[in-house]
Amino acid sequence: MKAPFLLPCLLGLASLLNADAQQPLIPPLPRGPLLNNAPNYAQWLISVSSQPFQLDSQTPPTKFDSRTLERKTGSIREQISIAKDQPKLDTWIEGATQCESIEGQKDPRVVLQGNSTFGTDYIDFSKGDFFGFDWIKKKNYYGQKNVMGQKCILFHISPPPDPSTAGPSAAPATAAAASPTPDPLETGTTACIAIDTRLPVVLKETDQTTFYEFQQPPSAPLAPPPQIQAQFDKLNAAVKRMTTVPAP
């Protein structure tokens, strides 16, 4: 008498097992930090491209919108940036003090925190060495993949829903079902972090992709050029005068 009821149960169990078999197995998130800062002595190249890029590709695009060489030794760092239709920019950072030299201009300019009137925006390194990764959390872990020749941990966030596709104006369900399922990694933002160093490899966004290439680090402490150091000394002296309590 129980046999007729057993068959539907077995069929249901087989269906669930088949569905699970079709889902890709995601390995557990490796232990350790999600993203490291660069080593105390480090040098890396940051290349940004708006050309289409697939994570399965092991070669970067052939054209870049901007490239920045960053060097760091302790609390001193230098950024040399070139971008399309923009003059070369050489920015020196000493602690929280920043000074930039723009190609074609004689005098360097100090960049103050909270003030973008002079030159570029202030670059806040107090929260980390790499920008655009503050959304990375354990809940955004997406798996592991070889990207640009490196085994990477992937983190992914989907884009916000498009209001134009919701409500009465949305396409019929039959039409949506007929279209192929898009790759989730082709939309939203995906961060690829090297599993061995926990340093960034690729940050893929909807409209651009940023590539990180770590190079041989500096062999000696960085020393700003005299005209840059003079600006640092001038600003530090002004700050000291403002913060020194006059003698009674």
Protein backbone atom coordinates (compact mmCIF):
# COMPACT_ATOMS: atom_id res chain seq x y z
CA MET A 1 0.00 0.00 0.00
CA LYS A 2 2.91 2.35 0.57
CA ALA A 3 4.49 1.80 -2.83
CA PRO A 4 2.28 4.34 -4.71
CA PHE A 5 3.35 7.02 -2.27
CA LEU A 6 7.04 6.06 -2.43
CA LEU A 7 7.42 6.72 -6.17
CA PRO A 8 6.55 10.45 -6.03
CA CYS A 9 8.96 10.90 -3.14
CA LEU A 10 11.77 9.23 -5.04
CA LEU A 11 11.04 11.35 -8.12
CA GLY A 12 11.09 14.52 -6.03
CA LEU A 13 14.39 13.55 -4.42
CA ALA A 14 15.91 12.81 -7.82
CA SER A 15 14.79 16.23 -9.05
CA LEU A 16 16.45 17.96 -6.10
CA LEU A 17 19.67 16.02 -6.58
CA ASN A 18 19.70 16.88 -10.27
CA ALA A 19 19.21 20.58 -9.49
CA ASP A 20 22.06 20.52 -6.99
CA ALA A 21 24.29 18.80 -9.55
CA GLN A 22 23.67 21.63 -12.00
CA GLN A 23 24.79 24.29 -9.49
CA PRO A 24 28.55 25.06 -9.58
CA LEU A 25 30.34 24.05 -6.42
CA ILE A 26 31.92 27.08 -4.75
CA PRO A 27 34.91 26.26 -2.55
CA PRO A 28 34.88 27.76 0.93
CA LEU A 29 36.37 31.22 1.38
CA PRO A 30 40.06 30.77 2.24
CA ARG A 31 41.08 31.92 5.67
CA GLY A 32 42.95 35.17 6.09
CA PRO A 33 42.39 38.84 5.24
CA LEU A 34 40.09 39.69 2.34
CA LEU A 35 42.46 42.38 1.04
CA ASN A 36 45.94 43.41 2.18
CA ASN A 37 47.62 46.78 1.96
CA ALA A 38 50.71 46.92 -0.22
CA PRO A 39 53.97 45.95 1.53
CA ASN A 40 55.97 48.69 3.23
CA TYR A 41 58.24 48.86 0.18
CA ALA A 42 56.21 48.32 -2.98
CA GLN A 43 55.72 49.43 -6.56
CA TRP A 44 52.75 48.70 -8.78
CA LEU A 45 51.16 49.80 -12.05
CA ILE A 46 47.45 50.67 -12.17
CA SER A 47 45.92 50.55 -15.67
CA VAL A 48 42.31 51.55 -16.40
CA SER A 49 40.57 50.56 -19.63
CA SER A 50 37.04 51.10 -20.92
CA GLN A 51 37.50 48.34 -23.52
CA PRO A 52 35.38 45.20 -22.96
CA PHE A 53 37.16 42.60 -20.85
CA GLN A 54 36.22 39.03 -20.00
CA LEU A 55 37.53 37.50 -16.79
CA ASP A 56 38.34 34.33 -18.73
CA SER A 57 40.86 36.33 -20.76
CA GLN A 58 44.45 36.02 -19.56
CA THR A 59 45.67 39.16 -21.36
CA PRO A 60 44.77 42.80 -20.66
CA PRO A 61 43.25 45.11 -23.30
CA THR A 62 45.52 46.82 -25.82
CA LYS A 63 44.39 50.37 -24.97
CA PHE A 64 44.11 52.14 -21.63
CA ASP A 65 42.36 55.33 -20.60
CA SER A 66 44.86 56.02 -17.83
CA ARG A 67 47.91 54.49 -16.21
CA THR A 68 49.46 55.24 -12.82
CA LEU A 69 52.79 54.05 -11.48
CA GLU A 70 52.72 54.03 -7.69
CA ARG A 71 55.75 53.66 -5.45
CA LYS A 72 55.69 53.38 -1.68
CA THR A 73 58.36 53.29 1.02
CA GLY A 74 56.92 53.63 4.50
CA SER A 75 54.91 56.84 4.87
CA ILE A 76 56.23 58.35 1.62
CA ARG A 77 54.77 57.48 -1.75
CA GLU A 78 54.77 58.78 -5.31
CA GLN A 79 52.13 58.50 -8.03
CA ILE A 80 53.01 59.23 -11.66
CA SER A 81 49.81 59.37 -13.71
CA ILE A 82 49.11 59.75 -17.40
CA ALA A 83 45.63 59.93 -18.89
CA LYS A 84 44.15 60.60 -22.30
CA ASP A 85 44.19 64.32 -23.20
CA GLN A 86 45.61 65.18 -19.76
CA PRO A 87 49.08 66.41 -18.74
CA LYS A 88 51.31 64.06 -16.78
CA LEU A 89 50.77 64.35 -13.06
CA ASP A 90 53.42 63.60 -10.43
CA THR A 91 51.97 63.44 -6.92
CA TRP A 92 54.03 63.01 -3.76
CA ILE A 93 52.47 62.00 -0.44
CA GLU A 94 54.22 62.31 2.91
CA GLY A 95 51.90 61.09 5.64
CA ALA A 96 48.76 63.19 5.27
CA THR A 97 50.52 65.92 3.26
CA GLN A 98 50.23 65.80 -0.52
CA CYS A 99 51.85 67.87 -3.25
CA GLU A 100 51.46 67.55 -7.01
CA SER A 101 53.52 68.67 -9.97
CA ILE A 102 51.61 69.08 -13.24
CA GLU A 103 53.48 68.85 -16.53
CA GLY A 104 53.77 72.28 -18.12
CA GLN A 105 53.35 74.17 -14.85
CA LYS A 106 56.33 75.66 -13.06
CA ASP A 107 55.42 75.40 -9.41
CA PRO A 108 54.05 72.35 -7.56
CA ARG A 109 50.82 72.72 -5.63
CA VAL A 110 49.78 71.43 -2.23
CA VAL A 111 46.54 69.40 -2.17
CA LEU A 112 44.59 69.94 1.04
CA GLN A 113 42.19 67.44 2.56
CA GLY A 114 38.58 68.38 1.81
CA ASN A 115 39.65 70.88 -0.86
CA SER A 116 39.78 69.99 -4.55
CA THR A 117 40.19 73.61 -5.74
CA PHE A 118 43.90 73.19 -6.30
CA GLY A 119 44.69 70.36 -8.68
CA THR A 120 43.30 66.90 -8.08
CA ASP A 121 41.17 65.67 -5.22
CA TYR A 122 42.88 64.82 -1.97
CA ILE A 123 43.78 61.12 -1.85
CA ASP A 124 42.84 59.58 1.48
CA PHE A 125 45.10 56.63 2.28
CA SER A 126 43.97 56.35 5.89
CA LYS A 127 41.61 53.44 5.05
CA GLY A 128 43.90 51.50 2.73
CA ASP A 129 46.17 51.56 -0.30
CA PHE A 130 43.56 50.59 -2.89
CA PHE A 131 40.37 52.40 -3.85
CA GLY A 132 37.08 50.91 -4.95
CA PHE A 133 37.33 47.81 -2.74
CA ASP A 134 35.57 49.05 0.40
CA TRP A 135 32.47 46.97 -0.44
CA ILE A 136 34.34 43.67 -0.17
CA LYS A 137 32.82 41.52 2.57
CA LYS A 138 32.51 37.81 3.27
CA LYS A 139 28.88 37.87 2.13
CA ASN A 140 30.06 39.03 -1.34
CA TYR A 141 32.39 36.06 -1.82
CA TYR A 142 31.69 34.52 -5.24
CA GLY A 143 34.28 31.76 -5.66
CA GLN A 144 37.74 31.30 -7.11
CA LYS A 145 39.07 31.69 -10.63
CA ASN A 146 42.32 32.03 -12.57
CA VAL A 147 42.49 35.65 -13.72
CA MET A 148 45.44 37.18 -15.56
CA GLY A 149 47.50 34.08 -14.81
CA GLN A 150 46.87 34.23 -11.06
CA LYS A 151 44.58 32.18 -8.85
CA CYS A 152 42.13 34.68 -7.40
CA ILE A 153 39.38 35.00 -4.84
CA LEU A 154 36.33 36.62 -6.42
CA PHE A 155 33.94 39.05 -4.76
CA HIS A 156 30.87 40.32 -6.60
CA ILE A 157 28.01 42.74 -6.12
CA SER A 158 25.11 43.02 -8.55
CA PRO A 159 23.95 46.36 -9.94
CA PRO A 160 20.80 47.90 -8.47
CA PRO A 161 17.58 46.84 -10.23
CA ASP A 162 16.61 48.82 -13.31
CA PRO A 163 13.23 50.52 -12.68
CA SER A 164 12.45 50.40 -16.41
CA THR A 165 12.26 46.61 -16.28
CA ALA A 166 9.82 46.44 -13.36
CA GLY A 167 6.05 46.87 -13.19
CA PRO A 168 3.52 46.68 -16.04
CA SER A 169 6.10 47.70 -18.63
CA ALA A 170 8.29 44.67 -17.93
CA ALA A 171 8.71 42.08 -20.69
CA PRO A 172 6.44 39.01 -20.55
CA ALA A 173 7.78 36.07 -18.56
CA THR A 174 7.71 33.85 -21.64
CA ALA A 175 10.02 36.21 -23.51
CA ALA A 176 12.40 36.43 -20.55
CA ALA A 177 12.48 32.67 -20.24
CA ALA A 178 13.33 32.31 -23.92
CA SER A 179 16.42 34.52 -23.68
CA PRO A 180 19.71 32.98 -22.51
CA THR A 181 20.68 33.50 -18.87
CA PRO A 182 23.37 36.22 -18.72
CA ASP A 183 26.62 35.65 -16.86
CA PRO A 184 26.25 37.42 -13.48
CA LEU A 185 29.90 38.52 -13.68
CA GLU A 186 29.13 40.55 -16.81
CA THR A 187 27.15 43.06 -14.74
CA GLY A 188 27.81 44.77 -11.46
CA THR A 189 31.29 44.90 -9.90
CA THR A 190 33.76 42.05 -9.50
CA ALA A 191 36.99 42.18 -7.51
CA CYS A 192 39.70 39.61 -8.17
CA ILE A 193 42.17 39.26 -5.28
CA ALA A 194 45.31 37.12 -5.56
CA ILE A 195 44.86 34.19 -3.21
CA ASP A 196 48.55 34.04 -2.23
CA THR A 197 49.26 37.74 -1.57
CA ARG A 198 45.70 39.07 -1.04
CA LEU A 199 46.57 41.99 -3.30
CA PRO A 200 44.26 43.18 -6.10
CA VAL A 201 44.60 41.79 -9.62
CA VAL A 202 41.49 43.11 -11.39
CA LEU A 203 38.55 45.32 -10.48
CA LYS A 204 35.88 44.87 -13.16
CA GLU A 205 33.06 47.42 -13.22
CA THR A 206 30.24 47.97 -15.67
CA ASP A 207 31.99 50.71 -17.66
CA GLN A 208 35.68 50.06 -16.98
CA THR A 209 38.23 47.55 -15.73
CA THR A 210 41.24 48.33 -13.55
CA PHE A 211 44.35 46.12 -13.67
CA TYR A 212 47.02 45.91 -10.96
CA GLU A 213 50.54 44.77 -11.78
CA PHE A 214 53.01 44.57 -8.88
CA GLN A 215 56.63 45.16 -9.81
CA GLN A 216 60.05 45.12 -8.18
CA PRO A 217 59.87 47.34 -5.08
CA PRO A 218 62.17 50.34 -4.52
CA SER A 219 65.54 49.41 -3.05
CA ALA A 220 65.91 52.62 -1.02
CA PRO A 221 63.59 55.09 0.72
CA LEU A 222 61.89 57.54 -1.61
CA ALA A 223 63.08 61.15 -1.47
CA PRO A 224 60.83 63.90 -2.89
CA PRO A 225 62.48 66.35 -5.32
CA PRO A 226 63.73 69.61 -3.73
CA GLN A 227 60.80 71.71 -5.00
CA ILE A 228 58.32 69.20 -3.58
CA GLN A 229 60.16 68.89 -0.26
CA ALA A 230 60.21 72.68 0.03
CA GLN A 231 56.40 72.71 -0.18
CA PHE A 232 56.18 69.98 2.47
CA ASP A 233 58.51 71.93 4.79
CA LYS A 234 56.57 75.15 4.25
CA LEU A 235 53.23 73.52 5.05
CA ASN A 236 54.57 71.62 8.06
CA ALA A 237 56.05 74.85 9.45
CA ALA A 238 52.70 76.62 9.03
CA VAL A 239 50.88 73.80 10.80
CA LYS A 240 53.41 73.88 13.63
CA ARG A 241 52.92 77.64 14.09
CA MET A 242 49.14 77.20 14.19
CA THR A 243 49.26 74.38 16.74
CA THR A 244 51.98 75.80 19.03
CA VAL A 245 50.65 77.36 22.23
CA PRO A 246 52.29 80.76 22.86
CA ALA A 247 54.39 81.05 25.98
CA PRO A 248 52.69 83.00 28.81
